[in-house]
Amino acid sequence: MREKHQKQMPLTEPASGRPGEKELEMISTIINDTPAICEYVLEDLNKGKIFKRRTGARGMSAEQVLRAAIIMRLYEFTYEDSTFHISDSGDLRRFCIIGIADRGFKKSAINTNIKSISEQTRKTISRDLSGHAEDNNIEKGRKVRVDCTVSRTKSF
């Protein structure tokens, strides 16, 4: 059966102090402060599955799937790029709760798990995060900024 969180935290490398690490720590704090979002992901991962035995591979926890999806979105990685960077970077491994001795995720596992997060779940998570930001006086969430690039097209 899939887990929401890992029961025991793996051994990870110590913090490195690199520039992007602070941002990942803040995101990690928000995830820890709003545990319901991992519950939503877990529901999507378990949808339509029947669990009879407790044997076999453990698989990614719901929290790891959420964190891998955040990495993909934050850095605009493909599934293949995210597999490489998460396995290669100590900061990303620590963010995704992958221990020193753990192998990391395969591209197919990341692909299957992230794609199983429904659009409704993404909207619910976004709503909950907006509520968290408003409750902590980070952002009121009344305006949304959309960036776009204008470029000239050739006429045929």
N, C-alpha and C. Protein backbone atom coordinates (compact mmCIF):
# COMPACT_ATOMS: atom_id res chain seq x y z
N MET A 1 0.84 -1.18 0.00
CA MET A 1 0.00 0.00 0.00
C MET A 1 0.88 1.24 0.00
N ARG A 2 0.46 2.22 -0.75
CA ARG A 2 1.22 3.45 -0.86
C ARG A 2 1.12 4.26 0.42
N GLU A 3 2.21 4.93 0.78
CA GLU A 3 2.24 5.73 1.99
C GLU A 3 2.12 7.21 1.65
N LYS A 4 1.57 7.96 2.61
CA LYS A 4 1.51 9.41 2.45
C LYS A 4 2.88 10.01 2.71
N HIS A 5 3.51 9.59 3.80
CA HIS A 5 4.85 10.02 4.17
C HIS A 5 5.67 8.78 4.45
N GLN A 6 6.97 8.92 4.34
CA GLN A 6 7.83 7.82 4.73
C GLN A 6 7.80 7.68 6.24
N LYS A 7 7.80 6.46 6.72
CA LYS A 7 7.73 6.23 8.16
C LYS A 7 9.02 6.64 8.86
N GLN A 8 10.15 6.46 8.19
CA GLN A 8 11.43 6.83 8.77
C GLN A 8 12.17 7.69 7.77
N MET A 9 12.64 8.83 8.22
CA MET A 9 13.38 9.72 7.35
C MET A 9 14.73 9.10 6.99
N PRO A 10 15.12 9.16 5.72
CA PRO A 10 16.40 8.58 5.32
C PRO A 10 17.56 9.50 5.71
N LEU A 11 18.76 8.95 5.74
CA LEU A 11 19.95 9.76 5.95
C LEU A 11 20.18 10.60 4.72
N THR A 12 20.38 11.90 4.90
CA THR A 12 20.61 12.79 3.77
C THR A 12 21.88 13.58 4.01
N GLU A 13 22.39 14.17 2.95
CA GLU A 13 23.56 15.02 3.05
C GLU A 13 23.19 16.28 3.85
N PRO A 14 24.15 16.88 4.53
CA PRO A 14 23.85 18.12 5.24
C PRO A 14 23.60 19.26 4.25
N ALA A 15 22.96 20.31 4.73
CA ALA A 15 22.66 21.47 3.88
C ALA A 15 23.96 22.04 3.33
N SER A 16 23.90 22.48 2.09
CA SER A 16 25.11 22.94 1.41
C SER A 16 25.27 24.45 1.44
N GLY A 17 24.18 25.18 1.59
CA GLY A 17 24.25 26.64 1.59
C GLY A 17 24.25 27.24 0.20
N ARG A 18 23.96 26.47 -0.82
CA ARG A 18 23.90 26.99 -2.18
C ARG A 18 22.68 27.90 -2.34
N PRO A 19 22.70 28.81 -3.32
CA PRO A 19 21.63 29.81 -3.45
C PRO A 19 20.21 29.26 -3.56
N GLY A 20 19.97 28.22 -4.33
CA GLY A 20 18.62 27.70 -4.52
C GLY A 20 18.09 26.90 -3.34
N GLU A 21 18.98 26.60 -2.42
CA GLU A 21 18.59 25.75 -1.30
C GLU A 21 17.59 26.43 -0.36
N LYS A 22 17.73 27.71 -0.15
CA LYS A 22 16.81 28.44 0.74
C LYS A 22 15.38 28.37 0.21
N GLU A 23 15.22 28.52 -1.10
CA GLU A 23 13.89 28.44 -1.72
C GLU A 23 13.27 27.07 -1.50
N LEU A 24 14.06 26.01 -1.69
CA LEU A 24 13.57 24.66 -1.47
C LEU A 24 13.20 24.42 -0.02
N GLU A 25 13.98 24.99 0.90
CA GLU A 25 13.66 24.86 2.33
C GLU A 25 12.34 25.54 2.67
N MET A 26 12.09 26.70 2.07
CA MET A 26 10.83 27.41 2.32
C MET A 26 9.65 26.61 1.77
N ILE A 27 9.81 26.04 0.58
CA ILE A 27 8.75 25.22 -0.01
C ILE A 27 8.50 24.00 0.87
N SER A 28 9.57 23.41 1.37
CA SER A 28 9.46 22.25 2.24
C SER A 28 8.70 22.60 3.52
N THR A 29 8.95 23.78 4.07
CA THR A 29 8.24 24.23 5.26
C THR A 29 6.76 24.38 4.98
N ILE A 30 6.41 24.92 3.82
CA ILE A 30 5.00 25.09 3.45
C ILE A 30 4.32 23.73 3.30
N ILE A 31 5.01 22.77 2.68
CA ILE A 31 4.45 21.43 2.54
C ILE A 31 4.20 20.82 3.91
N ASN A 32 5.15 21.00 4.82
CA ASN A 32 5.00 20.45 6.16
C ASN A 32 3.89 21.15 6.94
N ASP A 33 3.67 22.44 6.68
CA ASP A 33 2.63 23.21 7.38
C ASP A 33 1.23 22.91 6.87
N THR A 34 1.12 22.40 5.65
CA THR A 34 -0.19 22.08 5.07
C THR A 34 -0.22 20.61 4.66
N PRO A 35 -0.36 19.71 5.62
CA PRO A 35 -0.29 18.27 5.32
C PRO A 35 -1.45 17.75 4.48
N ALA A 36 -2.52 18.51 4.36
CA ALA A 36 -3.67 18.05 3.58
C ALA A 36 -3.32 17.88 2.11
N ILE A 37 -2.36 18.65 1.60
CA ILE A 37 -2.06 18.55 0.17
C ILE A 37 -1.45 17.19 -0.17
N CYS A 38 -0.71 16.60 0.75
CA CYS A 38 -0.19 15.24 0.51
C CYS A 38 -1.32 14.22 0.53
N GLU A 39 -2.34 14.49 1.33
CA GLU A 39 -3.51 13.61 1.39
C GLU A 39 -4.24 13.60 0.05
N TYR A 40 -4.37 14.77 -0.57
CA TYR A 40 -5.03 14.85 -1.88
C TYR A 40 -4.27 14.05 -2.92
N VAL A 41 -2.93 14.17 -2.91
CA VAL A 41 -2.10 13.43 -3.86
C VAL A 41 -2.23 11.93 -3.61
N LEU A 42 -2.24 11.53 -2.34
CA LEU A 42 -2.38 10.11 -2.00
C LEU A 42 -3.70 9.54 -2.52
N GLU A 43 -4.77 10.30 -2.42
CA GLU A 43 -6.06 9.84 -2.94
C GLU A 43 -6.00 9.59 -4.44
N ASP A 44 -5.33 10.50 -5.17
CA ASP A 44 -5.19 10.30 -6.62
C ASP A 44 -4.32 9.09 -6.94
N LEU A 45 -3.25 8.90 -6.18
CA LEU A 45 -2.36 7.77 -6.44
C LEU A 45 -3.04 6.43 -6.17
N ASN A 46 -3.93 6.39 -5.19
CA ASN A 46 -4.60 5.14 -4.82
C ASN A 46 -5.94 4.93 -5.53
N LYS A 47 -6.36 5.88 -6.33
CA LYS A 47 -7.66 5.79 -6.99
C LYS A 47 -7.75 4.56 -7.88
N GLY A 48 -8.75 3.73 -7.62
CA GLY A 48 -9.00 2.55 -8.44
C GLY A 48 -8.09 1.37 -8.17
N LYS A 49 -7.28 1.44 -7.13
CA LYS A 49 -6.37 0.33 -6.83
C LYS A 49 -6.87 -0.44 -5.63
N ILE A 50 -6.72 -1.75 -5.69
CA ILE A 50 -7.11 -2.62 -4.59
C ILE A 50 -5.84 -3.19 -3.99
N PHE A 51 -5.70 -3.06 -2.68
CA PHE A 51 -4.50 -3.53 -2.00
C PHE A 51 -4.84 -4.79 -1.22
N LYS A 52 -4.18 -5.89 -1.59
CA LYS A 52 -4.42 -7.16 -0.92
C LYS A 52 -3.23 -7.58 -0.08
N ARG A 53 -2.03 -7.30 -0.55
CA ARG A 53 -0.84 -7.74 0.15
C ARG A 53 0.03 -6.53 0.50
N ARG A 54 0.92 -6.74 1.43
CA ARG A 54 1.85 -5.69 1.80
C ARG A 54 3.27 -6.08 1.37
N THR A 55 3.38 -6.70 0.21
CA THR A 55 4.68 -7.10 -0.28
C THR A 55 5.01 -6.32 -1.54
N GLY A 56 6.24 -6.46 -1.99
CA GLY A 56 6.64 -5.79 -3.22
C GLY A 56 7.36 -4.49 -2.94
N ALA A 57 7.65 -3.78 -4.00
CA ALA A 57 8.37 -2.52 -3.90
C ALA A 57 7.53 -1.46 -3.19
N ARG A 58 8.20 -0.62 -2.44
CA ARG A 58 7.51 0.40 -1.67
C ARG A 58 6.98 1.51 -2.57
N GLY A 59 7.71 1.90 -3.57
CA GLY A 59 7.28 2.95 -4.46
C GLY A 59 7.43 4.33 -3.84
N MET A 60 7.08 5.33 -4.60
CA MET A 60 7.19 6.71 -4.14
C MET A 60 6.05 7.02 -3.18
N SER A 61 6.34 7.73 -2.11
CA SER A 61 5.28 8.17 -1.21
C SER A 61 4.57 9.36 -1.86
N ALA A 62 3.40 9.69 -1.38
CA ALA A 62 2.65 10.81 -1.94
C ALA A 62 3.44 12.11 -1.80
N GLU A 63 4.13 12.25 -0.69
CA GLU A 63 4.92 13.47 -0.48
C GLU A 63 6.07 13.55 -1.48
N GLN A 64 6.70 12.43 -1.79
CA GLN A 64 7.78 12.42 -2.78
C GLN A 64 7.25 12.75 -4.17
N VAL A 65 6.07 12.26 -4.51
CA VAL A 65 5.47 12.56 -5.81
C VAL A 65 5.19 14.06 -5.90
N LEU A 66 4.62 14.62 -4.85
CA LEU A 66 4.34 16.05 -4.82
C LEU A 66 5.62 16.86 -4.97
N ARG A 67 6.66 16.48 -4.24
CA ARG A 67 7.92 17.21 -4.30
C ARG A 67 8.59 17.08 -5.67
N ALA A 68 8.52 15.91 -6.29
CA ALA A 68 9.07 15.74 -7.64
C ALA A 68 8.30 16.59 -8.64
N ALA A 69 6.98 16.68 -8.49
CA ALA A 69 6.17 17.52 -9.37
C ALA A 69 6.54 18.99 -9.20
N ILE A 70 6.81 19.40 -7.98
CA ILE A 70 7.22 20.78 -7.73
C ILE A 70 8.56 21.06 -8.40
N ILE A 71 9.50 20.13 -8.31
CA ILE A 71 10.81 20.29 -8.94
C ILE A 71 10.65 20.43 -10.45
N MET A 72 9.81 19.58 -11.05
CA MET A 72 9.59 19.66 -12.49
C MET A 72 9.04 21.02 -12.89
N ARG A 73 8.08 21.51 -12.13
CA ARG A 73 7.44 22.78 -12.44
C ARG A 73 8.36 23.96 -12.16
N LEU A 74 9.09 23.90 -11.05
CA LEU A 74 9.95 25.00 -10.64
C LEU A 74 11.10 25.22 -11.61
N TYR A 75 11.71 24.14 -12.05
CA TYR A 75 12.87 24.24 -12.93
C TYR A 75 12.56 23.95 -14.39
N GLU A 76 11.30 23.70 -14.71
CA GLU A 76 10.85 23.43 -16.08
C GLU A 76 11.60 22.25 -16.69
N PHE A 77 11.72 21.17 -15.91
CA PHE A 77 12.39 19.96 -16.37
C PHE A 77 11.41 19.06 -17.10
N THR A 78 11.95 18.26 -18.02
CA THR A 78 11.19 17.15 -18.58
C THR A 78 11.28 16.00 -17.56
N TYR A 79 10.57 14.92 -17.81
CA TYR A 79 10.65 13.77 -16.91
C TYR A 79 12.07 13.22 -16.88
N GLU A 80 12.71 13.15 -18.03
CA GLU A 80 14.07 12.63 -18.10
C GLU A 80 15.05 13.56 -17.39
N ASP A 81 14.91 14.88 -17.61
CA ASP A 81 15.78 15.84 -16.93
C ASP A 81 15.58 15.81 -15.42
N SER A 82 14.34 15.70 -15.00
CA SER A 82 14.08 15.67 -13.56
C SER A 82 14.68 14.42 -12.92
N THR A 83 14.63 13.29 -13.60
CA THR A 83 15.25 12.07 -13.09
C THR A 83 16.73 12.27 -12.88
N PHE A 84 17.38 12.85 -13.88
CA PHE A 84 18.82 13.07 -13.79
C PHE A 84 19.16 14.06 -12.67
N HIS A 85 18.50 15.21 -12.66
CA HIS A 85 18.85 16.26 -11.70
C HIS A 85 18.51 15.87 -10.26
N ILE A 86 17.40 15.18 -10.06
CA ILE A 86 17.05 14.76 -8.71
C ILE A 86 18.06 13.72 -8.21
N SER A 87 18.50 12.83 -9.07
CA SER A 87 19.48 11.82 -8.67
C SER A 87 20.87 12.43 -8.47
N ASP A 88 21.19 13.48 -9.22
CA ASP A 88 22.52 14.06 -9.21
C ASP A 88 22.74 15.12 -8.13
N SER A 89 21.73 15.89 -7.82
CA SER A 89 21.87 17.03 -6.91
C SER A 89 21.54 16.65 -5.47
N GLY A 90 22.45 16.95 -4.57
CA GLY A 90 22.21 16.69 -3.15
C GLY A 90 21.05 17.51 -2.62
N ASP A 91 20.93 18.75 -3.08
CA ASP A 91 19.84 19.62 -2.63
C ASP A 91 18.48 19.07 -3.07
N LEU A 92 18.39 18.61 -4.33
CA LEU A 92 17.11 18.09 -4.83
C LEU A 92 16.80 16.74 -4.20
N ARG A 93 17.82 15.93 -3.95
CA ARG A 93 17.60 14.65 -3.26
C ARG A 93 17.06 14.89 -1.86
N ARG A 94 17.64 15.86 -1.16
CA ARG A 94 17.17 16.17 0.19
C ARG A 94 15.74 16.70 0.14
N PHE A 95 15.43 17.56 -0.84
CA PHE A 95 14.08 18.10 -0.97
C PHE A 95 13.07 17.00 -1.26
N CYS A 96 13.46 16.03 -2.10
CA CYS A 96 12.55 14.93 -2.46
C CYS A 96 12.62 13.77 -1.47
N ILE A 97 13.32 13.93 -0.38
CA ILE A 97 13.42 12.94 0.69
C ILE A 97 13.97 11.61 0.16
N ILE A 98 15.10 11.70 -0.51
CA ILE A 98 15.81 10.52 -1.00
C ILE A 98 17.10 10.43 -0.20
N GLY A 99 17.32 9.31 0.44
CA GLY A 99 18.49 9.13 1.28
C GLY A 99 19.77 8.94 0.49
N ILE A 100 20.87 8.98 1.22
CA ILE A 100 22.19 8.81 0.61
C ILE A 100 22.30 7.46 -0.08
N ALA A 101 21.81 6.42 0.55
CA ALA A 101 21.93 5.06 0.02
C ALA A 101 20.83 4.70 -0.97
N ASP A 102 19.79 5.54 -1.09
CA ASP A 102 18.68 5.23 -1.99
C ASP A 102 19.06 5.54 -3.44
N ARG A 103 18.46 4.82 -4.37
CA ARG A 103 18.80 4.95 -5.78
C ARG A 103 18.14 6.13 -6.46
N GLY A 104 17.08 6.64 -5.92
CA GLY A 104 16.36 7.72 -6.60
C GLY A 104 15.21 7.14 -7.39
N PHE A 105 14.61 7.97 -8.23
CA PHE A 105 13.43 7.57 -8.99
C PHE A 105 13.80 7.31 -10.44
N LYS A 106 13.07 6.40 -11.06
CA LYS A 106 13.22 6.18 -12.49
C LYS A 106 12.27 7.12 -13.22
N LYS A 107 12.60 7.37 -14.48
CA LYS A 107 11.78 8.27 -15.29
C LYS A 107 10.34 7.78 -15.39
N SER A 108 10.16 6.49 -15.56
CA SER A 108 8.81 5.94 -15.70
C SER A 108 8.01 6.09 -14.42
N ALA A 109 8.68 5.95 -13.26
CA ALA A 109 7.98 6.12 -11.98
C ALA A 109 7.54 7.57 -11.79
N ILE A 110 8.44 8.50 -12.10
CA ILE A 110 8.08 9.91 -11.97
C ILE A 110 6.94 10.24 -12.93
N ASN A 111 7.05 9.77 -14.17
CA ASN A 111 6.03 10.03 -15.18
C ASN A 111 4.66 9.50 -14.75
N THR A 112 4.60 8.24 -14.39
CA THR A 112 3.34 7.62 -14.01
C THR A 112 2.71 8.29 -12.80
N ASN A 113 3.52 8.55 -11.79
CA ASN A 113 2.98 9.11 -10.55
C ASN A 113 2.53 10.56 -10.70
N ILE A 114 3.32 11.38 -11.36
CA ILE A 114 2.94 12.79 -11.51
C ILE A 114 1.71 12.92 -12.41
N LYS A 115 1.63 12.09 -13.45
CA LYS A 115 0.46 12.15 -14.34
C LYS A 115 -0.82 11.67 -13.66
N SER A 116 -0.69 10.94 -12.58
CA SER A 116 -1.88 10.47 -11.89
C SER A 116 -2.50 11.55 -10.99
N ILE A 117 -1.81 12.68 -10.81
CA ILE A 117 -2.39 13.79 -10.04
C ILE A 117 -3.40 14.49 -10.94
N SER A 118 -4.65 14.50 -10.53
CA SER A 118 -5.72 15.04 -11.37
C SER A 118 -5.71 16.57 -11.37
N GLU A 119 -6.38 17.13 -12.34
CA GLU A 119 -6.51 18.58 -12.46
C GLU A 119 -7.26 19.13 -11.25
N GLN A 120 -8.27 18.42 -10.78
CA GLN A 120 -9.04 18.85 -9.61
C GLN A 120 -8.14 18.92 -8.38
N THR A 121 -7.26 17.94 -8.23
CA THR A 121 -6.33 17.94 -7.10
C THR A 121 -5.38 19.12 -7.19
N ARG A 122 -4.89 19.40 -8.39
CA ARG A 122 -4.00 20.56 -8.58
C ARG A 122 -4.70 21.86 -8.20
N LYS A 123 -5.97 21.98 -8.57
CA LYS A 123 -6.73 23.18 -8.22
C LYS A 123 -6.95 23.26 -6.71
N THR A 124 -7.24 22.14 -6.08
CA THR A 124 -7.45 22.10 -4.64
C THR A 124 -6.16 22.47 -3.89
N ILE A 125 -5.04 21.95 -4.35
CA ILE A 125 -3.75 22.28 -3.74
C ILE A 125 -3.47 23.77 -3.90
N SER A 126 -3.73 24.29 -5.09
CA SER A 126 -3.52 25.72 -5.33
C SER A 126 -4.38 26.56 -4.40
N ARG A 127 -5.63 26.16 -4.22
CA ARG A 127 -6.54 26.89 -3.33
C ARG A 127 -6.04 26.83 -1.89
N ASP A 128 -5.60 25.65 -1.45
CA ASP A 128 -5.09 25.51 -0.09
C ASP A 128 -3.82 26.33 0.13
N LEU A 129 -2.94 26.35 -0.87
CA LEU A 129 -1.72 27.13 -0.74
C LEU A 129 -2.01 28.63 -0.73
N SER A 130 -3.00 29.05 -1.50
CA SER A 130 -3.41 30.46 -1.46
C SER A 130 -3.96 30.81 -0.08
N GLY A 131 -4.74 29.91 0.50
CA GLY A 131 -5.26 30.12 1.84
C GLY A 131 -4.15 30.17 2.87
N HIS A 132 -3.16 29.32 2.72
CA HIS A 132 -2.00 29.32 3.63
C HIS A 132 -1.25 30.65 3.53
N ALA A 133 -1.06 31.13 2.30
CA ALA A 133 -0.36 32.40 2.11
C ALA A 133 -1.14 33.56 2.71
N GLU A 134 -2.45 33.53 2.55
CA GLU A 134 -3.27 34.60 3.12
C GLU A 134 -3.29 34.53 4.65
N ASP A 135 -3.39 33.33 5.21
CA ASP A 135 -3.40 33.17 6.66
C ASP A 135 -2.10 33.65 7.31
N ASN A 136 -0.99 33.48 6.61
CA ASN A 136 0.31 33.88 7.14
C ASN A 136 0.77 35.25 6.65
N ASN A 137 -0.15 36.01 6.08
CA ASN A 137 0.13 37.37 5.58
C ASN A 137 1.29 37.42 4.60
N ILE A 138 1.37 36.40 3.75
CA ILE A 138 2.39 36.36 2.71
C ILE A 138 1.84 37.01 1.44
N GLU A 139 0.61 36.66 1.11
CA GLU A 139 -0.04 37.13 -0.11
C GLU A 139 -1.54 37.09 0.08
N LYS A 140 -2.21 38.09 -0.44
CA LYS A 140 -3.67 38.10 -0.33
C LYS A 140 -4.35 37.27 -1.42
N GLY A 141 -3.69 37.09 -2.55
CA GLY A 141 -4.22 36.24 -3.61
C GLY A 141 -5.35 36.86 -4.41
N ARG A 142 -5.44 38.19 -4.41
CA ARG A 142 -6.52 38.84 -5.16
C ARG A 142 -6.16 39.06 -6.61
N LYS A 143 -4.87 39.17 -6.93
CA LYS A 143 -4.43 39.40 -8.30
C LYS A 143 -3.54 38.26 -8.75
N VAL A 144 -3.64 37.94 -10.03
CA VAL A 144 -2.78 36.93 -10.62
C VAL A 144 -2.01 37.59 -11.73
N ARG A 145 -0.70 37.41 -11.71
CA ARG A 145 0.13 38.00 -12.74
C ARG A 145 0.48 36.92 -13.76
N VAL A 146 0.24 37.23 -15.01
CA VAL A 146 0.54 36.30 -16.08
C VAL A 146 1.58 36.95 -16.98
N ASP A 147 2.72 36.33 -17.12
CA ASP A 147 3.76 36.86 -17.99
C ASP A 147 3.62 36.24 -19.37
N CYS A 148 3.85 37.07 -20.37
CA CYS A 148 3.84 36.54 -21.74
C CYS A 148 4.90 37.28 -22.54
N THR A 149 5.36 36.65 -23.57
CA THR A 149 6.36 37.25 -24.44
C THR A 149 5.70 37.53 -25.78
N VAL A 150 5.88 38.74 -26.23
CA VAL A 150 5.33 39.13 -27.53
C VAL A 150 6.45 39.03 -28.55
N SER A 151 6.15 38.40 -29.65
CA SER A 151 7.15 38.30 -30.71
C SER A 151 6.46 38.52 -32.05
N ARG A 152 7.23 39.05 -32.97
CA ARG A 152 6.71 39.33 -34.29
C ARG A 152 6.66 38.04 -35.09
N THR A 153 5.59 37.88 -35.85
CA THR A 153 5.46 36.70 -36.71
C THR A 153 5.61 37.11 -38.15
N LYS A 154 6.03 36.18 -38.95
CA LYS A 154 6.16 36.44 -40.38
C LYS A 154 4.83 36.21 -41.05
N SER A 155 4.46 37.10 -41.94
CA SER A 155 3.24 36.89 -42.69
C SER A 155 3.56 36.11 -43.96
N PHE A 156 2.68 35.24 -44.34
CA PHE A 156 2.92 34.38 -45.50
C PHE A 156 2.32 34.95 -46.72
